[in-house]
Every structure is written in structure tokens, then in C-alpha cells.
């Protein structure tokens, strides 16, 4: 296992901090379609002794999900991105099939331990679906759109040495303001794997989202096994309809058992902290992606890795 991190922004200061706390891998956001932009970003990060191993987030795939008019054009863009990643030696692309947006929260200023700010979700706080969502595709149609996408992109990914890792719907509910959701259960991920036996068809095991599903984390790490190619290491308290984020050491998941399960399945990819609390002194920054909480998380993760390794 290698500890990865998202840096917001990717500054010299944040790159030095990542090195100092023992991070080895940096996760970057969608770099666009120009190879030179990807190569330049990779070279800058590598100059600090770090590696770029994952591209994740802000992918131009909304019409792929919904079967919209730009679907075929977006598939070609994704092929270009995968080819650029293969050329640059970046081996994992994390994506999701959350139609109509991305991960969602209803609050970003819940009070956590010691007054740290954490994000939260409460389904009852959301307005009902608008009439404009009436013509959205069904869940069955989303599955068809996903199969269409994978059929076209996985051969390119295999050729380029790139793995796709599907992130679950967050929150993992069946419908979000009129938009259907399909990656909201362990069974959904098994269905994903059944769409293609390609080795490039993998899973991002986001612990917090699987915890929101109410499943046992360690046993489901073992259940999905070698298909887990990337990990978001985080925790929550609550259920899919109402939860708050937590520090990594105070949520509802047995994090020692989770880390032991990754060891037992032979996981060797990047594992990164995600959605951390905002600590005192951090008045600015994207909720869940401020720096100090991630530094705390990295230290906690390194301790867990050493502990389960020593127990072998």
C-alpha cells in the first residue's frame, strides 16, 4: 500500500508537506486533453520525489452517464485522456457514474471533535425533485449507458496499461432529486464487475460511502478482493440518509480491521485520506479538502499500516 493525497492547491508548500509526512503518491484532477499539460504537472510533482499515480475528478462524462447528445464526443475525450495517461505512465483513472452531479452534502459546517468543521448529509433537508427531471433516464438506462461506455473505453485502457476504478454514489441512495443512482450497493459493484472481465475494470473502495451503505467494511474489502484498485480511507457516523464525516479515529468503522483486510487481499495501490475535518486556523479552502486534517490522517494511516504489518 502506498499513501496518496490530493493537494489543494498543488503548491510547493503542499508538495513539501506531503514529502515530510511520508506521502508517496499524488492524485491529480482532470488535466485536460493536452498531453503537455499532463506531462508538465507530472514533472513538477516528481521534482519533489513524489509520483503521480491517479487521475480523479471533474471528468467530462455527464452525457456519457445520461446518454446525451455529446456522449460519443465525450467517449473520444476519455480515450484521449487514457492514452495520455498511458504515455505518461499514470496507471489509474478514478471515475463515478453519479448522474446529475458529484458527491453531495447538505451542510459543510457541522461541529466535530473539538469544534472542527465537518460535512454532513440529511436527506430530509433536500427539496423534492423538480418537474425538469421527469425525462431523466431510468436506473436500467444508466446501466445500459455504463455498459456502452465500458465496452468502448476498456480496450483502450488495457492497451495503455490504465485501470478504471469506479467510485460509489455518495450518498449511496437510490434517487437524488430525481436522478437515479446505480452504484449504491455492494451488489451494484458486483454487477459492474459482471459487465466486463477486463483487468482494467476495477473499483475505488471509498470506505466512507460503503459505511453509509451500512455494510461491514472489512468483510466487504475481502468480498470485492483484488478488484479493489484504489482506496479512499475515511469514515462517517450515520446512514445513507443522514450522516456526518468524522476524524479517521472516531467513526463507526473498525479502521484496524479495515487496514488488516487490505493487507490480507494483497492490496498494493494508492490509498488516500478523504473528506477530512477542517481544523482551527483553516478559515479558507474547499470543505473536506483542507490540509491539516489530511496531515493528521496520513499519520494515523501510517501507524495503522505499521501495526498490521508488524502483526504478520
Protein backbone atom coordinates (compact mmCIF):
# COMPACT_ATOMS: atom_id res chain seq x y z
CA UNK A 1 0.00 0.00 0.00
CA UNK A 2 1.14 3.49 -0.85
CA UNK A 3 -0.28 6.61 0.80
CA UNK A 4 -1.63 9.08 -1.71
CA UNK A 5 -3.03 12.57 -1.29
CA UNK A 6 -4.99 15.27 -3.09
CA UNK A 7 -3.33 18.66 -2.72
CA UNK A 8 -5.48 21.79 -2.95
CA UNK A 9 -3.79 23.66 -4.40
CA UNK A 10 -0.76 21.81 -5.76
CA UNK A 11 1.74 24.33 -4.40
CA UNK A 12 5.41 23.95 -3.49
CA UNK A 13 4.40 24.30 0.17
CA UNK A 14 1.86 21.46 -0.03
CA UNK A 15 4.23 19.26 -2.01
CA UNK A 16 6.92 19.70 0.64
CA UNK A 17 4.42 18.89 3.40
CA UNK A 18 3.39 15.72 1.58
CA UNK A 19 7.00 14.61 1.40
CA UNK A 20 7.63 15.43 5.04
CA UNK A 21 4.72 13.34 6.38
CA UNK A 22 5.57 10.28 4.31
CA UNK A 23 3.20 10.52 1.34
CA UNK A 24 4.49 8.83 -1.82
CA UNK A 25 1.68 9.37 -4.35
CA UNK A 26 -0.18 12.45 -5.53
CA UNK A 27 -3.68 12.28 -7.00
CA UNK A 28 -4.38 14.92 -9.62
CA UNK A 29 -7.64 16.25 -11.03
CA UNK A 30 -8.67 16.05 -14.69
CA UNK A 31 -5.74 17.69 -16.53
CA UNK A 32 -7.50 18.43 -19.83
CA UNK A 33 -6.75 16.83 -23.17
CA UNK A 34 -3.34 18.31 -23.96
CA UNK A 35 -0.57 15.83 -23.19
CA UNK A 36 1.87 18.65 -22.46
CA UNK A 37 -0.33 19.91 -19.59
CA UNK A 38 -0.37 16.46 -18.02
CA UNK A 39 3.35 15.93 -18.55
CA UNK A 40 4.25 19.33 -17.09
CA UNK A 41 2.15 18.73 -13.96
CA UNK A 42 3.65 15.28 -13.53
CA UNK A 43 7.21 16.58 -13.93
CA UNK A 44 6.65 19.28 -11.30
CA UNK A 45 5.32 16.78 -8.76
CA UNK A 46 8.09 14.30 -9.48
CA UNK A 47 10.69 17.01 -8.88
CA UNK A 48 9.73 16.72 -5.19
CA UNK A 49 10.36 12.97 -5.19
CA UNK A 50 6.64 12.12 -5.42
CA UNK A 51 4.81 10.11 -8.05
CA UNK A 52 1.55 10.84 -9.86
CA UNK A 53 -0.41 7.59 -9.84
CA UNK A 54 -4.08 8.60 -10.15
CA UNK A 55 -6.24 10.99 -12.15
CA UNK A 56 -9.56 11.61 -10.39
CA UNK A 57 -12.40 14.11 -10.52
CA UNK A 58 -14.05 16.67 -12.80
CA UNK A 59 -14.16 14.32 -15.79
CA UNK A 60 -16.25 15.46 -18.79
CA UNK A 61 -18.63 12.47 -18.80
CA UNK A 62 -22.10 13.78 -17.93
CA UNK A 63 -23.56 12.99 -21.35
CA UNK A 64 -21.99 9.53 -21.16
CA UNK A 65 -23.93 8.94 -17.95
CA UNK A 66 -27.22 10.33 -19.24
CA UNK A 67 -26.92 9.25 -22.88
CA UNK A 68 -26.92 12.88 -24.01
CA UNK A 69 -26.03 14.34 -27.41
CA UNK A 70 -22.33 14.72 -26.58
CA UNK A 71 -21.94 11.10 -25.45
CA UNK A 72 -19.79 9.94 -28.37
CA UNK A 73 -17.64 13.09 -28.25
CA UNK A 74 -17.08 12.59 -24.51
CA UNK A 75 -16.08 8.97 -25.07
CA UNK A 76 -13.46 10.14 -27.56
CA UNK A 77 -12.21 12.65 -24.98
CA UNK A 78 -11.91 9.90 -22.41
CA UNK A 79 -9.97 7.76 -24.87
CA UNK A 80 -7.58 10.67 -25.39
CA UNK A 81 -7.17 11.09 -21.63
CA UNK A 82 -6.47 7.37 -21.15
CA UNK A 83 -3.91 7.37 -23.96
CA UNK A 84 -2.22 10.43 -22.44
CA UNK A 85 -2.12 8.72 -19.06
CA UNK A 86 -0.60 5.59 -20.55
CA UNK A 87 2.03 7.65 -22.32
CA UNK A 88 2.83 9.46 -19.05
CA UNK A 89 2.93 6.25 -17.00
CA UNK A 90 -0.09 7.13 -14.83
CA UNK A 91 -1.90 3.87 -14.25
CA UNK A 92 -5.27 4.60 -12.63
CA UNK A 93 -8.31 6.68 -13.58
CA UNK A 94 -10.95 7.08 -10.86
CA UNK A 95 -14.42 7.93 -12.14
CA UNK A 96 -18.02 7.77 -10.97
CA UNK A 97 -21.44 7.32 -12.55
CA UNK A 98 -23.25 9.85 -10.35
CA UNK A 99 -25.73 11.29 -12.82
CA UNK A 100 -26.58 14.95 -12.37
CA UNK A 101 -23.52 15.92 -10.38
CA UNK A 102 -20.98 14.51 -7.96
CA UNK A 103 -20.82 13.73 -4.23
CA UNK A 104 -23.34 15.79 -2.29
CA UNK A 105 -23.66 17.26 1.18
CA UNK A 106 -26.37 19.40 2.76
CA UNK A 107 -24.03 21.10 5.24
CA UNK A 108 -20.34 21.89 5.45
CA UNK A 109 -20.15 23.35 8.95
CA UNK A 110 -21.29 20.58 11.30
CA UNK A 111 -19.33 20.61 14.55
CA UNK A 112 -16.98 17.67 15.05
CA UNK A 113 -14.45 16.85 17.75
CA UNK A 114 -13.10 19.96 19.43
CA UNK A 115 -15.22 22.17 17.21
CA UNK A 116 -13.61 21.06 13.95
CA UNK A 117 -15.93 21.61 11.00
CA UNK A 118 -17.16 18.54 9.14
CA UNK A 119 -19.51 17.98 6.25
CA UNK A 120 -22.87 16.30 6.68
CA UNK A 121 -25.83 15.00 4.74
CA UNK A 122 -29.51 14.95 5.69
CA UNK A 123 -31.89 13.67 3.04
CA UNK A 124 -34.87 15.30 4.76
CA UNK A 125 -33.26 18.72 4.26
CA UNK A 126 -33.39 18.44 0.46
CA UNK A 127 -36.20 19.87 -1.66
CA UNK A 128 -38.23 17.47 -3.77
CA UNK A 129 -37.35 16.69 -7.37
CA UNK A 130 -38.35 19.36 -9.88
CA UNK A 131 -40.54 18.70 -12.91
CA UNK A 132 -37.48 19.23 -15.13
CA UNK A 133 -36.16 15.82 -14.05
CA UNK A 134 -39.18 13.95 -15.39
CA UNK A 135 -37.42 12.97 -18.64
CA UNK A 136 -34.28 11.62 -16.97
CA UNK A 137 -33.19 8.06 -17.79
CA UNK A 138 -34.18 5.19 -15.53
CA UNK A 139 -31.72 3.18 -13.46
CA UNK A 140 -31.88 0.48 -16.14
CA UNK A 141 -30.91 3.03 -18.77
CA UNK A 142 -27.96 4.16 -16.65
CA UNK A 143 -26.75 0.56 -16.57
CA UNK A 144 -27.06 0.43 -20.36
CA UNK A 145 -25.11 3.69 -20.67
CA UNK A 146 -22.40 2.37 -18.35
CA UNK A 147 -22.08 -0.85 -20.36
CA UNK A 148 -21.88 1.18 -23.58
CA UNK A 149 -19.08 3.30 -22.10
CA UNK A 150 -17.07 0.38 -20.72
CA UNK A 151 -17.34 -1.57 -23.96
CA UNK A 152 -15.61 1.30 -25.76
CA UNK A 153 -13.13 2.53 -23.17
CA UNK A 154 -11.82 -0.66 -21.51
CA UNK A 155 -10.00 -1.98 -24.62
CA UNK A 156 -8.16 1.35 -24.87
CA UNK A 157 -7.36 1.25 -21.16
CA UNK A 158 -5.97 -2.28 -21.41
CA UNK A 159 -3.84 -1.30 -24.39
CA UNK A 160 -2.43 1.69 -22.49
CA UNK A 161 -1.88 -0.05 -19.15
CA UNK A 162 -4.51 2.05 -17.36
CA UNK A 163 -7.11 0.76 -14.88
CA UNK A 164 -10.52 2.38 -14.40
CA UNK A 165 -11.73 2.44 -10.79
CA UNK A 166 -15.40 3.15 -10.17
CA UNK A 167 -16.25 5.31 -7.15
CA UNK A 168 -19.61 4.66 -5.43
CA UNK A 169 -22.50 7.11 -5.36
CA UNK A 170 -22.11 9.42 -2.39
CA UNK A 171 -24.54 9.36 -0.67
CA UNK A 172 -25.49 5.82 -1.78
CA UNK A 173 -29.22 6.33 -2.13
CA UNK A 174 -31.48 5.08 -4.92
CA UNK A 175 -32.53 8.51 -6.17
CA UNK A 176 -31.16 12.00 -5.67
CA UNK A 177 -33.56 14.84 -6.52
CA UNK A 178 -35.00 12.88 -9.43
CA UNK A 179 -31.72 11.44 -10.69
CA UNK A 180 -31.44 7.64 -10.39
CA UNK A 181 -28.40 6.11 -8.73
CA UNK A 182 -26.91 2.70 -9.54
CA UNK A 183 -23.55 2.44 -7.74
CA UNK A 184 -25.10 2.46 -4.29
CA UNK A 185 -24.61 -1.10 -3.00
CA UNK A 186 -22.09 -3.91 -2.86
CA UNK A 187 -24.34 -5.84 -5.24
CA UNK A 188 -24.16 -2.92 -7.66
CA UNK A 189 -20.38 -3.20 -7.70
CA UNK A 190 -20.59 -6.91 -8.33
CA UNK A 191 -22.90 -6.15 -11.25
CA UNK A 192 -20.31 -3.63 -12.52
CA UNK A 193 -17.66 -6.35 -12.45
CA UNK A 194 -20.02 -8.63 -14.33
CA UNK A 195 -20.26 -6.14 -17.20
CA UNK A 196 -16.68 -6.88 -18.20
CA UNK A 197 -13.97 -9.30 -17.13
CA UNK A 198 -11.31 -6.86 -18.33
CA UNK A 199 -8.46 -6.40 -15.82
CA UNK A 200 -8.93 -2.67 -16.44
CA UNK A 201 -12.40 -2.80 -14.85
CA UNK A 202 -11.78 -2.03 -11.19
CA UNK A 203 -13.18 -0.48 -8.03
CA UNK A 204 -12.39 2.55 -5.90
CA UNK A 205 -13.31 1.37 -2.41
CA UNK A 206 -14.45 4.59 -0.73
CA UNK A 207 -14.76 3.45 2.88
CA UNK A 208 -16.98 6.31 3.99
CA UNK A 209 -19.51 5.64 1.26
CA UNK A 210 -19.57 1.90 1.91
CA UNK A 211 -20.02 2.73 5.60
CA UNK A 212 -23.01 4.89 4.61
CA UNK A 213 -24.46 1.74 2.99
CA UNK A 214 -24.44 0.11 6.43
CA UNK A 215 -22.17 -2.79 5.46
CA UNK A 216 -19.25 -4.24 7.36
CA UNK A 217 -16.16 -2.68 5.85
CA UNK A 218 -13.55 -5.37 6.47
CA UNK A 219 -15.68 -8.25 5.22
CA UNK A 220 -16.61 -6.36 2.06
CA UNK A 221 -13.00 -5.46 1.35
CA UNK A 222 -12.41 -9.21 1.31
CA UNK A 223 -15.60 -9.80 -0.71
CA UNK A 224 -14.51 -7.45 -3.51
CA UNK A 225 -10.90 -8.53 -3.13
CA UNK A 226 -8.45 -7.98 -5.95
CA UNK A 227 -10.96 -5.85 -7.88
CA UNK A 228 -10.19 -3.03 -5.41
CA UNK A 229 -7.56 -0.99 -7.19
CA UNK A 230 -7.75 2.30 -5.26
CA UNK A 231 -8.93 3.29 -1.77
CA UNK A 232 -10.45 6.37 -0.16
CA UNK A 233 -9.72 5.90 3.55
CA UNK A 234 -12.32 7.83 5.54
CA UNK A 235 -15.15 7.34 7.98
CA UNK A 236 -18.57 8.65 8.99
CA UNK A 237 -21.25 8.29 11.63
CA UNK A 238 -24.76 7.59 10.43
CA UNK A 239 -26.53 6.08 7.45
CA UNK A 240 -27.00 6.89 3.78
CA UNK A 241 -29.93 9.20 4.53
CA UNK A 242 -28.26 11.08 7.40
CA UNK A 243 -24.59 11.15 8.37
CA UNK A 244 -21.63 13.34 9.26
CA UNK A 245 -17.97 12.96 8.42
CA UNK A 246 -15.55 12.20 11.27
CA UNK A 247 -11.89 12.17 12.08
CA UNK A 248 -10.39 8.87 10.95
CA UNK A 249 -10.06 7.57 14.52
CA UNK A 250 -13.59 8.25 15.82
CA UNK A 251 -16.09 7.00 13.24
CA UNK A 252 -18.18 3.84 13.17
CA UNK A 253 -15.70 1.69 11.23
CA UNK A 254 -13.10 -0.61 12.75
CA UNK A 255 -10.20 1.01 10.93
CA UNK A 256 -7.64 -1.51 12.22
CA UNK A 257 -9.73 -4.34 10.78
CA UNK A 258 -10.08 -2.43 7.50
CA UNK A 259 -6.33 -1.92 7.15
CA UNK A 260 -5.75 -5.56 8.01
CA UNK A 261 -8.23 -6.58 5.31
CA UNK A 262 -6.34 -4.57 2.69
CA UNK A 263 -3.19 -6.38 3.74
CA UNK A 264 -4.93 -9.73 3.54
CA UNK A 265 -6.20 -9.20 -0.02
CA UNK A 266 -2.72 -8.11 -1.10
CA UNK A 267 -3.76 -4.55 -1.99
CA UNK A 268 -0.78 -2.68 -3.41
CA UNK A 269 -2.29 0.51 -4.82
CA UNK A 270 -2.72 4.08 -3.64
CA UNK A 271 -4.78 4.67 -0.50
CA UNK A 272 -5.62 8.25 0.37
CA UNK A 273 -7.41 10.17 3.13
CA UNK A 274 -10.62 11.84 2.01
CA UNK A 275 -13.18 14.34 3.31
CA UNK A 276 -11.27 15.39 6.40
CA UNK A 277 -12.42 17.80 9.12
CA UNK A 278 -11.44 21.46 8.84
CA UNK A 279 -9.25 22.30 11.82
CA UNK A 280 -8.79 25.51 13.75
CA UNK A 281 -6.82 28.10 11.79
CA UNK A 282 -8.07 26.92 8.39
CA UNK A 283 -10.68 29.52 7.57
CA UNK A 284 -10.48 29.05 3.81
CA UNK A 285 -10.46 26.09 1.48
CA UNK A 286 -12.81 23.52 -0.03
CA UNK A 287 -14.87 21.75 2.63
CA UNK A 288 -13.41 18.31 3.27
CA UNK A 289 -10.18 19.10 1.44
CA UNK A 290 -8.25 21.36 3.79
CA UNK A 291 -4.68 20.49 4.71
CA UNK A 292 -4.30 19.95 8.46
CA UNK A 293 -6.91 17.21 8.69
CA UNK A 294 -5.17 15.32 5.91
CA UNK A 295 -1.84 15.55 7.70
CA UNK A 296 -3.48 14.05 10.80
CA UNK A 297 -5.00 11.32 8.64
CA UNK A 298 -1.70 10.44 6.96
CA UNK A 299 -0.01 9.96 10.33
CA UNK A 300 -2.87 7.79 11.53
CA UNK A 301 -2.78 5.70 8.35
CA UNK A 302 0.99 5.19 8.56
CA UNK A 303 0.58 3.99 12.13
CA UNK A 304 -2.12 1.52 11.12
CA UNK A 305 -0.02 0.22 8.22
CA UNK A 306 2.94 -0.37 10.50
CA UNK A 307 0.75 -2.02 13.13
CA UNK A 308 -0.91 -4.53 10.81
CA UNK A 309 2.43 -5.17 9.10
CA UNK A 310 4.09 -5.96 12.44
CA UNK A 311 1.28 -8.41 13.26
CA UNK A 312 2.07 -10.64 10.29
